[in-house]
Protein backbone atom coordinates (compact mmCIF):
# COMPACT_ATOMS: atom_id res chain seq x y z
CA MET A 1 0.00 0.00 0.00
CA GLY A 2 2.99 2.30 0.40
CA ASN A 3 1.86 5.86 1.09
CA LYS A 4 -1.87 5.17 0.79
CA GLN A 5 -3.80 7.34 3.19
CA PHE A 6 -6.69 5.49 4.78
CA LYS A 7 -9.54 7.33 6.47
CA ASN A 8 -12.43 6.55 8.79
CA GLY A 9 -15.27 4.86 6.95
CA ASP A 10 -13.13 3.38 4.18
CA GLN A 11 -14.37 -0.08 3.22
CA VAL A 12 -11.58 -2.62 3.38
CA PHE A 13 -10.66 -6.21 2.73
CA HIS A 14 -8.34 -7.61 5.42
CA PHE A 15 -6.20 -10.66 4.76
CA LEU A 16 -3.47 -12.55 6.57
CA PRO A 17 -0.71 -13.58 4.15
CA ASP A 18 0.16 -16.81 5.99
CA SER A 19 -3.45 -17.91 6.28
CA SER A 20 -6.53 -18.47 4.20
CA SER A 21 -8.36 -16.10 6.55
CA SER A 22 -9.84 -12.93 5.11
CA GLU A 23 -12.68 -10.58 5.99
CA TYR A 24 -14.52 -7.45 4.91
CA GLY A 25 -15.20 -4.44 7.05
CA PHE A 26 -14.49 -0.75 7.47
CA ILE A 27 -12.04 1.52 9.24
CA SER A 28 -13.61 2.79 12.44
CA ILE A 29 -10.78 4.98 13.74
CA ILE A 30 -7.13 5.82 13.16
CA VAL A 31 -5.07 6.76 16.21
CA ASN A 32 -1.41 7.78 15.88
CA GLY A 33 -1.18 5.87 12.59
CA ASN A 34 -2.76 2.73 14.07
CA ILE A 35 -5.75 1.53 12.05
CA PHE A 36 -8.70 -0.04 13.88
CA CYS A 37 -11.34 -1.84 11.86
CA ARG A 38 -14.77 -3.32 12.41
CA PHE A 39 -15.62 -6.45 10.50
CA TRP A 40 -18.97 -7.67 9.27
CA SER A 41 -20.66 -10.49 11.12
CA GLY A 42 -20.99 -13.74 9.24
CA MET A 43 -24.22 -14.37 11.11
CA MET A 44 -26.36 -11.30 10.39
CA LEU A 45 -26.26 -9.09 7.30
CA GLY A 46 -25.37 -5.46 8.06
CA SER A 47 -24.15 -6.11 11.61
CA ILE A 48 -20.60 -6.05 12.92
CA ARG A 49 -19.11 -8.91 14.86
CA ASN A 50 -17.69 -6.88 17.74
CA ILE A 51 -19.34 -3.73 19.07
CA SER A 52 -17.13 -3.20 22.12
CA THR A 53 -13.85 -2.50 20.32
CA GLY A 54 -12.19 -2.16 16.93
CA GLU A 55 -9.45 -4.54 15.85
CA LEU A 56 -5.92 -3.28 15.18
CA CYS A 57 -4.89 -4.06 11.59
CA SER A 58 -1.66 -3.68 9.70
CA LYS A 59 -2.07 -1.37 6.71
CA GLU A 60 -0.01 -3.84 4.67
CA ASN A 61 -2.85 -6.36 5.11
CA LEU A 62 -5.64 -3.97 4.10
CA ARG A 63 -7.00 -3.24 0.63
CA LEU A 64 -9.69 -0.73 -0.25
CA THR A 65 -12.77 -2.45 -1.67
CA GLY A 66 -14.97 0.33 -2.95
CA GLN A 67 -18.59 0.16 -1.86
CA ASN A 68 -19.57 -3.42 -1.05
CA VAL A 69 -22.01 -2.05 1.52
CA PRO A 70 -23.98 1.20 1.11
CA GLN A 71 -21.91 3.97 2.70
CA GLU A 72 -24.99 5.10 4.65
CA ILE A 73 -24.82 1.88 6.68
CA ILE A 74 -21.18 2.48 7.55
CA SER A 75 -21.90 6.12 8.42
CA ALA A 76 -24.70 4.97 10.75
CA TRP A 77 -22.37 2.48 12.45
CA LEU A 78 -19.67 5.14 12.89
CA LYS A 79 -22.21 7.54 14.41
CA PHE A 80 -23.45 4.81 16.79
CA LEU A 81 -19.94 3.70 17.80
CA ASN A 82 -18.65 7.23 18.39
CA LYS A 83 -21.56 8.56 20.45
């Protein structure tokens, strides 16, 4: 990703190079260059799997995905999480 500047609300694909594990989600907050993401639940469409905290992700393992989910849904989640 090099110098790519991520921002809150960006939709991302997260992968682990040494694993077959991957997931879709969005960036919930960036603090001092650390990127925290929320990932979609595999159980319920439009819900996130962990409400209590974001998950720290390496920017090298993130790719922008465009709009897999309507941005209004992500904006609503960000508003709810940051209240």
